[in-house]
């Protein structure tokens, strides 16, 4: 019993440490990209639609910004989300080992989303691994014009909503849809098991002045 409690405490500490590492990496990249462009915090706030206060917290590594907030910042900077969360310069073949991908979303019941791979602008491709615990859901804002997404259910069942359209997807089902429309992913509350899916996001023309559709 004591061993189990100690193990749980260790895992929680590891999770907190990982979150701090990711927050620190994002902070350094945002500061660097903003400085490269000669922008003030007010200028970045105006271009991104993210409040100056939030940007200050992000640049200090004190914030836990949502995926939507990170997308707004990366779009405004013209770098794309993969580059924003990966501050290391890597060779042409970039491998993300198991357990090394940044966790950019955590659900209240243990679900999480990891950005496992991505490309650089102008045509950015993101590869995500998502896990939703029973009853969890995530709503995504409409991305920039032309964004497309591909989703493959690996385990469980996922309810996908794009605008007013709803599709229920089982393990092995795949779907292509417009990411420039409001959308959400849900593991229905009645589900008894986690839902796990792979998600690819294609965002063309990052940094070229494209706006939401």
C-alpha atoms as a PDB file:
ATOM      1  CA  UNK A   1       0.000   0.000   0.000  1.00  0.00           C
ATOM      2  CA  UNK A   2       2.794   2.374   0.936  1.00  0.00           C
ATOM      3  CA  UNK A   3       4.685   1.298  -2.199  1.00  0.00           C
ATOM      4  CA  UNK A   4       1.690   2.079  -4.417  1.00  0.00           C
ATOM      5  CA  UNK A   5       1.284   5.487  -2.803  1.00  0.00           C
ATOM      6  CA  UNK A   6       4.953   6.280  -3.263  1.00  0.00           C
ATOM      7  CA  UNK A   7       4.808   5.190  -6.903  1.00  0.00           C
ATOM      8  CA  UNK A   8       1.792   7.442  -7.513  1.00  0.00           C
ATOM      9  CA  UNK A   9       3.579  10.391  -5.912  1.00  0.00           C
ATOM     10  CA  UNK A  10       6.610   9.766  -8.123  1.00  0.00           C
ATOM     11  CA  UNK A  11       4.492   9.652 -11.295  1.00  0.00           C
ATOM     12  CA  UNK A  12       2.721  12.881 -10.337  1.00  0.00           C
ATOM     13  CA  UNK A  13       6.059  14.600  -9.736  1.00  0.00           C
ATOM     14  CA  UNK A  14       7.333  13.348 -13.098  1.00  0.00           C
ATOM     15  CA  UNK A  15       4.228  14.719 -14.828  1.00  0.00           C
ATOM     16  CA  UNK A  16       4.681  18.126 -13.190  1.00  0.00           C
ATOM     17  CA  UNK A  17       8.360  18.173 -14.187  1.00  0.00           C
ATOM     18  CA  UNK A  18       7.461  17.318 -17.798  1.00  0.00           C
ATOM     19  CA  UNK A  19       4.874  20.113 -17.901  1.00  0.00           C
ATOM     20  CA  UNK A  20       7.454  22.594 -16.611  1.00  0.00           C
ATOM     21  CA  UNK A  21       9.964  21.444 -19.248  1.00  0.00           C
ATOM     22  CA  UNK A  22       7.405  21.902 -22.048  1.00  0.00           C
ATOM     23  CA  UNK A  23       6.346  25.309 -20.681  1.00  0.00           C
ATOM     24  CA  UNK A  24       9.986  26.397 -20.518  1.00  0.00           C
ATOM     25  CA  UNK A  25      10.656  25.281 -24.085  1.00  0.00           C
ATOM     26  CA  UNK A  26       7.596  27.116 -25.384  1.00  0.00           C
ATOM     27  CA  UNK A  27       8.542  30.246 -23.413  1.00  0.00           C
ATOM     28  CA  UNK A  28      12.027  30.314 -24.917  1.00  0.00           C
ATOM     29  CA  UNK A  29      10.764  29.825 -28.466  1.00  0.00           C
ATOM     30  CA  UNK A  30       8.079  32.521 -28.220  1.00  0.00           C
ATOM     31  CA  UNK A  31      10.558  35.034 -26.782  1.00  0.00           C
ATOM     32  CA  UNK A  32      13.101  34.171 -29.485  1.00  0.00           C
ATOM     33  CA  UNK A  33      10.630  34.380 -32.382  1.00  0.00           C
ATOM     34  CA  UNK A  34       9.156  37.650 -31.134  1.00  0.00           C
ATOM     35  CA  UNK A  35      12.624  39.161 -30.691  1.00  0.00           C
ATOM     36  CA  UNK A  36      13.635  38.031 -34.217  1.00  0.00           C
ATOM     37  CA  UNK A  37      10.704  40.007 -35.602  1.00  0.00           C
ATOM     38  CA  UNK A  38      11.344  43.040 -33.433  1.00  0.00           C
ATOM     39  CA  UNK A  39       7.810  42.902 -32.045  1.00  0.00           C
ATOM     40  CA  UNK A  40       6.680  44.157 -28.670  1.00  0.00           C
ATOM     41  CA  UNK A  41       4.310  42.118 -26.553  1.00  0.00           C
ATOM     42  CA  UNK A  42       1.539  44.510 -27.555  1.00  0.00           C
ATOM     43  CA  UNK A  43       2.251  43.884 -31.247  1.00  0.00           C
ATOM     44  CA  UNK A  44       2.159  40.112 -30.794  1.00  0.00           C
ATOM     45  CA  UNK A  45      -1.048  40.429 -28.779  1.00  0.00           C
ATOM     46  CA  UNK A  46      -2.671  42.426 -31.585  1.00  0.00           C
ATOM     47  CA  UNK A  47      -1.539  40.024 -34.299  1.00  0.00           C
ATOM     48  CA  UNK A  48      -2.460  36.840 -32.417  1.00  0.00           C
ATOM     49  CA  UNK A  49      -5.611  37.860 -30.567  1.00  0.00           C
ATOM     50  CA  UNK A  50      -4.033  36.564 -27.341  1.00  0.00           C
ATOM     51  CA  UNK A  51      -4.061  38.955 -24.392  1.00  0.00           C
ATOM     52  CA  UNK A  52      -0.834  40.669 -23.380  1.00  0.00           C
ATOM     53  CA  UNK A  53      -1.184  39.219 -19.880  1.00  0.00           C
ATOM     54  CA  UNK A  54      -1.392  35.678 -21.243  1.00  0.00           C
ATOM     55  CA  UNK A  55       1.630  36.297 -23.494  1.00  0.00           C
ATOM     56  CA  UNK A  56       3.637  37.540 -20.511  1.00  0.00           C
ATOM     57  CA  UNK A  57       2.762  34.359 -18.603  1.00  0.00           C
ATOM     58  CA  UNK A  58       3.628  32.192 -21.618  1.00  0.00           C
ATOM     59  CA  UNK A  59       7.013  33.897 -22.099  1.00  0.00           C
ATOM     60  CA  UNK A  60       7.794  33.456 -18.408  1.00  0.00           C
ATOM     61  CA  UNK A  61       6.859  29.785 -18.498  1.00  0.00           C
ATOM     62  CA  UNK A  62       4.136  30.316 -15.895  1.00  0.00           C
ATOM     63  CA  UNK A  63       1.128  29.584 -18.103  1.00  0.00           C
ATOM     64  CA  UNK A  64      -0.476  26.324 -19.197  1.00  0.00           C
ATOM     65  CA  UNK A  65      -1.904  27.648 -22.485  1.00  0.00           C
ATOM     66  CA  UNK A  66      -4.571  25.771 -24.395  1.00  0.00           C
ATOM     67  CA  UNK A  67      -3.863  24.274 -27.797  1.00  0.00           C
ATOM     68  CA  UNK A  68      -6.024  27.019 -29.323  1.00  0.00           C
ATOM     69  CA  UNK A  69      -3.873  29.702 -27.678  1.00  0.00           C
ATOM     70  CA  UNK A  70      -0.655  28.063 -28.862  1.00  0.00           C
ATOM     71  CA  UNK A  71      -2.048  27.879 -32.394  1.00  0.00           C
ATOM     72  CA  UNK A  72      -2.921  31.568 -32.377  1.00  0.00           C
ATOM     73  CA  UNK A  73       0.588  32.462 -31.209  1.00  0.00           C
ATOM     74  CA  UNK A  74       2.355  30.140 -33.660  1.00  0.00           C
ATOM     75  CA  UNK A  75       0.182  31.364 -36.561  1.00  0.00           C
ATOM     76  CA  UNK A  76       0.907  34.996 -35.714  1.00  0.00           C
ATOM     77  CA  UNK A  77       4.644  34.293 -35.542  1.00  0.00           C
ATOM     78  CA  UNK A  78       4.427  32.310 -38.788  1.00  0.00           C
ATOM     79  CA  UNK A  79       6.307  29.299 -37.405  1.00  0.00           C
ATOM     80  CA  UNK A  80       3.640  26.616 -36.968  1.00  0.00           C
ATOM     81  CA  UNK A  81       2.893  24.678 -33.792  1.00  0.00           C
ATOM     82  CA  UNK A  82       5.525  21.905 -34.217  1.00  0.00           C
ATOM     83  CA  UNK A  83       8.361  24.430 -34.316  1.00  0.00           C
ATOM     84  CA  UNK A  84       6.911  26.381 -31.409  1.00  0.00           C
ATOM     85  CA  UNK A  85       7.056  23.396 -29.050  1.00  0.00           C
ATOM     86  CA  UNK A  86      10.352  21.934 -30.343  1.00  0.00           C
ATOM     87  CA  UNK A  87      13.204  24.380 -29.718  1.00  0.00           C
ATOM     88  CA  UNK A  88      16.030  21.995 -30.614  1.00  0.00           C
ATOM     89  CA  UNK A  89      17.553  21.978 -34.085  1.00  0.00           C
ATOM     90  CA  UNK A  90      17.448  18.444 -35.474  1.00  0.00           C
ATOM     91  CA  UNK A  91      18.697  16.741 -38.658  1.00  0.00           C
ATOM     92  CA  UNK A  92      16.579  15.912 -41.704  1.00  0.00           C
ATOM     93  CA  UNK A  93      15.301  12.708 -40.062  1.00  0.00           C
ATOM     94  CA  UNK A  94      13.682  13.667 -36.782  1.00  0.00           C
ATOM     95  CA  UNK A  95      12.678  10.812 -34.499  1.00  0.00           C
ATOM     96  CA  UNK A  96      10.430  11.253 -31.484  1.00  0.00           C
ATOM     97  CA  UNK A  97      11.033   8.321 -29.171  1.00  0.00           C
ATOM     98  CA  UNK A  98       8.236   6.829 -27.087  1.00  0.00           C
ATOM     99  CA  UNK A  99       7.549   9.027 -24.075  1.00  0.00           C
ATOM    100  CA  UNK A 100       9.403  12.056 -25.484  1.00  0.00           C
ATOM    101  CA  UNK A 101       6.532  13.866 -27.229  1.00  0.00           C
ATOM    102  CA  UNK A 102       5.246  17.004 -25.493  1.00  0.00           C
ATOM    103  CA  UNK A 103       1.851  16.684 -23.833  1.00  0.00           C
ATOM    104  CA  UNK A 104      -0.102  19.784 -24.915  1.00  0.00           C
ATOM    105  CA  UNK A 105      -3.496  18.900 -23.445  1.00  0.00           C
ATOM    106  CA  UNK A 106      -4.555  16.996 -20.345  1.00  0.00           C
ATOM    107  CA  UNK A 107      -8.140  16.065 -19.570  1.00  0.00           C
ATOM    108  CA  UNK A 108      -9.726  16.062 -16.124  1.00  0.00           C
ATOM    109  CA  UNK A 109      -9.922  12.258 -16.060  1.00  0.00           C
ATOM    110  CA  UNK A 110      -6.476  11.357 -17.372  1.00  0.00           C
ATOM    111  CA  UNK A 111      -6.823  11.896 -21.102  1.00  0.00           C
ATOM    112  CA  UNK A 112      -4.036  13.630 -22.973  1.00  0.00           C
ATOM    113  CA  UNK A 113      -2.874  14.823 -26.388  1.00  0.00           C
ATOM    114  CA  UNK A 114       0.722  14.579 -27.585  1.00  0.00           C
ATOM    115  CA  UNK A 115       2.214  16.257 -30.639  1.00  0.00           C
ATOM    116  CA  UNK A 116       4.407  13.365 -31.769  1.00  0.00           C
ATOM    117  CA  UNK A 117       5.776  14.813 -35.026  1.00  0.00           C
ATOM    118  CA  UNK A 118       5.481  17.822 -37.272  1.00  0.00           C
ATOM    119  CA  UNK A 119       6.935  19.733 -40.185  1.00  0.00           C
ATOM    120  CA  UNK A 120       8.064  23.335 -40.595  1.00  0.00           C
ATOM    121  CA  UNK A 121       6.266  26.162 -42.450  1.00  0.00           C
ATOM    122  CA  UNK A 122       4.926  27.206 -44.808  1.00  0.00           C
ATOM    123  CA  UNK A 123       2.899  23.993 -45.239  1.00  0.00           C
ATOM    124  CA  UNK A 124       2.751  22.562 -41.721  1.00  0.00           C
ATOM    125  CA  UNK A 125       1.788  18.961 -40.998  1.00  0.00           C
ATOM    126  CA  UNK A 126       1.143  17.861 -37.421  1.00  0.00           C
ATOM    127  CA  UNK A 127       0.822  14.279 -36.177  1.00  0.00           C
ATOM    128  CA  UNK A 128      -0.976  13.854 -32.854  1.00  0.00           C
ATOM    129  CA  UNK A 129      -1.761  10.967 -30.534  1.00  0.00           C
ATOM    130  CA  UNK A 130      -4.923  11.522 -28.496  1.00  0.00           C
ATOM    131  CA  UNK A 131      -6.398   9.602 -25.567  1.00  0.00           C
ATOM    132  CA  UNK A 132      -9.805  10.510 -24.162  1.00  0.00           C
ATOM    133  CA  UNK A 133     -11.006   8.943 -20.920  1.00  0.00           C
ATOM    134  CA  UNK A 134     -14.704   8.007 -20.697  1.00  0.00           C
ATOM    135  CA  UNK A 135     -16.773  11.191 -20.740  1.00  0.00           C
ATOM    136  CA  UNK A 136     -13.922  13.472 -21.852  1.00  0.00           C
ATOM    137  CA  UNK A 137     -14.121  15.762 -24.853  1.00  0.00           C
ATOM    138  CA  UNK A 138     -12.091  18.451 -26.553  1.00  0.00           C
ATOM    139  CA  UNK A 139     -13.460  21.283 -28.678  1.00  0.00           C
ATOM    140  CA  UNK A 140     -11.220  22.814 -31.320  1.00  0.00           C
ATOM    141  CA  UNK A 141     -11.565  26.302 -32.752  1.00  0.00           C
ATOM    142  CA  UNK A 142     -11.727  26.712 -36.511  1.00  0.00           C
ATOM    143  CA  UNK A 143      -8.139  26.722 -37.773  1.00  0.00           C
ATOM    144  CA  UNK A 144      -6.836  28.887 -40.606  1.00  0.00           C
ATOM    145  CA  UNK A 145      -8.395  28.680 -44.057  1.00  0.00           C
ATOM    146  CA  UNK A 146      -7.538  25.483 -45.931  1.00  0.00           C
ATOM    147  CA  UNK A 147      -6.697  23.392 -42.853  1.00  0.00           C
ATOM    148  CA  UNK A 148      -7.590  19.722 -43.272  1.00  0.00           C
ATOM    149  CA  UNK A 149      -7.527  16.920 -40.697  1.00  0.00           C
ATOM    150  CA  UNK A 150      -7.342  13.124 -40.888  1.00  0.00           C
ATOM    151  CA  UNK A 151      -8.410  10.990 -37.922  1.00  0.00           C
ATOM    152  CA  UNK A 152      -7.914   7.250 -37.363  1.00  0.00           C
ATOM    153  CA  UNK A 153      -9.509   5.590 -34.329  1.00  0.00           C
ATOM    154  CA  UNK A 154      -7.086   3.131 -32.733  1.00  0.00           C
ATOM    155  CA  UNK A 155      -9.123   2.049 -29.701  1.00  0.00           C
ATOM    156  CA  UNK A 156     -12.610   2.663 -28.359  1.00  0.00           C
ATOM    157  CA  UNK A 157     -15.170   4.983 -29.915  1.00  0.00           C
ATOM    158  CA  UNK A 158     -14.926   8.659 -30.882  1.00  0.00           C
ATOM    159  CA  UNK A 159     -17.777  11.045 -31.610  1.00  0.00           C
ATOM    160  CA  UNK A 160     -16.585  13.660 -34.088  1.00  0.00           C
ATOM    161  CA  UNK A 161     -18.552  16.872 -34.561  1.00  0.00           C
ATOM    162  CA  UNK A 162     -17.671  19.242 -37.420  1.00  0.00           C
ATOM    163  CA  UNK A 163     -20.018  22.206 -37.517  1.00  0.00           C
ATOM    164  CA  UNK A 164     -23.479  20.616 -37.353  1.00  0.00           C
ATOM    165  CA  UNK A 165     -22.360  17.202 -38.654  1.00  0.00           C
ATOM    166  CA  UNK A 166     -21.771  14.331 -36.220  1.00  0.00           C
ATOM    167  CA  UNK A 167     -20.046  11.020 -36.929  1.00  0.00           C
ATOM    168  CA  UNK A 168     -19.543   8.157 -34.466  1.00  0.00           C
ATOM    169  CA  UNK A 169     -16.323   6.308 -35.258  1.00  0.00           C
ATOM    170  CA  UNK A 170     -15.238   2.886 -33.981  1.00  0.00           C
ATOM    171  CA  UNK A 171     -11.776   1.337 -33.838  1.00  0.00           C
ATOM    172  CA  UNK A 172     -10.390   1.093 -37.368  1.00  0.00           C
ATOM    173  CA  UNK A 173     -12.649   3.845 -38.745  1.00  0.00           C
ATOM    174  CA  UNK A 174     -11.013   6.848 -40.400  1.00  0.00           C
ATOM    175  CA  UNK A 175     -12.318  10.229 -41.508  1.00  0.00           C
ATOM    176  CA  UNK A 176     -11.112  13.300 -43.393  1.00  0.00           C
ATOM    177  CA  UNK A 177     -12.653  16.660 -42.523  1.00  0.00           C
ATOM    178  CA  UNK A 178     -12.221  20.420 -42.689  1.00  0.00           C
ATOM    179  CA  UNK A 179     -10.230  21.786 -39.790  1.00  0.00           C
ATOM    180  CA  UNK A 180     -11.214  25.343 -40.682  1.00  0.00           C
ATOM    181  CA  UNK A 181     -14.617  24.663 -39.136  1.00  0.00           C
ATOM    182  CA  UNK A 182     -15.357  24.414 -35.384  1.00  0.00           C
ATOM    183  CA  UNK A 183     -14.954  20.767 -34.380  1.00  0.00           C
ATOM    184  CA  UNK A 184     -14.786  18.512 -31.345  1.00  0.00           C
ATOM    185  CA  UNK A 185     -13.811  14.994 -30.321  1.00  0.00           C
ATOM    186  CA  UNK A 186     -15.736  13.133 -27.604  1.00  0.00           C
ATOM    187  CA  UNK A 187     -15.526   9.815 -25.806  1.00  0.00           C
ATOM    188  CA  UNK A 188     -19.216   9.328 -25.031  1.00  0.00           C
ATOM    189  CA  UNK A 189     -20.035   9.324 -21.317  1.00  0.00           C
ATOM    190  CA  UNK A 190     -21.494   5.799 -21.574  1.00  0.00           C
ATOM    191  CA  UNK A 191     -18.212   4.411 -22.871  1.00  0.00           C
ATOM    192  CA  UNK A 192     -16.429   2.020 -20.522  1.00  0.00           C
ATOM    193  CA  UNK A 193     -12.981   2.324 -22.043  1.00  0.00           C
ATOM    194  CA  UNK A 194     -10.623   5.071 -23.145  1.00  0.00           C
ATOM    195  CA  UNK A 195     -10.704   6.167 -26.767  1.00  0.00           C
ATOM    196  CA  UNK A 196      -7.381   6.532 -28.547  1.00  0.00           C
ATOM    197  CA  UNK A 197      -6.876   8.040 -31.991  1.00  0.00           C
ATOM    198  CA  UNK A 198      -4.198   9.375 -34.314  1.00  0.00           C
ATOM    199  CA  UNK A 199      -4.795  12.804 -35.819  1.00  0.00           C
ATOM    200  CA  UNK A 200      -2.993  14.468 -38.715  1.00  0.00           C
ATOM    201  CA  UNK A 201      -3.466  18.208 -39.278  1.00  0.00           C
ATOM    202  CA  UNK A 202      -2.415  19.890 -42.535  1.00  0.00           C
ATOM    203  CA  UNK A 203      -2.209  23.682 -42.330  1.00  0.00           C
ATOM    204  CA  UNK A 204      -1.076  25.343 -45.580  1.00  0.00           C
ATOM    205  CA  UNK A 205       0.489  28.748 -45.960  1.00  0.00           C
ATOM    206  CA  UNK A 206       1.516  29.345 -42.343  1.00  0.00           C
ATOM    207  CA  UNK A 207       3.030  32.809 -42.021  1.00  0.00           C
ATOM    208  CA  UNK A 208       1.578  33.987 -45.317  1.00  0.00           C
ATOM    209  CA  UNK A 209      -1.275  36.024 -43.948  1.00  0.00           C
ATOM    210  CA  UNK A 210      -4.070  33.440 -44.105  1.00  0.00           C
ATOM    211  CA  UNK A 211      -6.925  34.051 -41.719  1.00  0.00           C
ATOM    212  CA  UNK A 212      -9.839  31.996 -40.406  1.00  0.00           C
ATOM    213  CA  UNK A 213     -12.506  31.049 -42.901  1.00  0.00           C
END
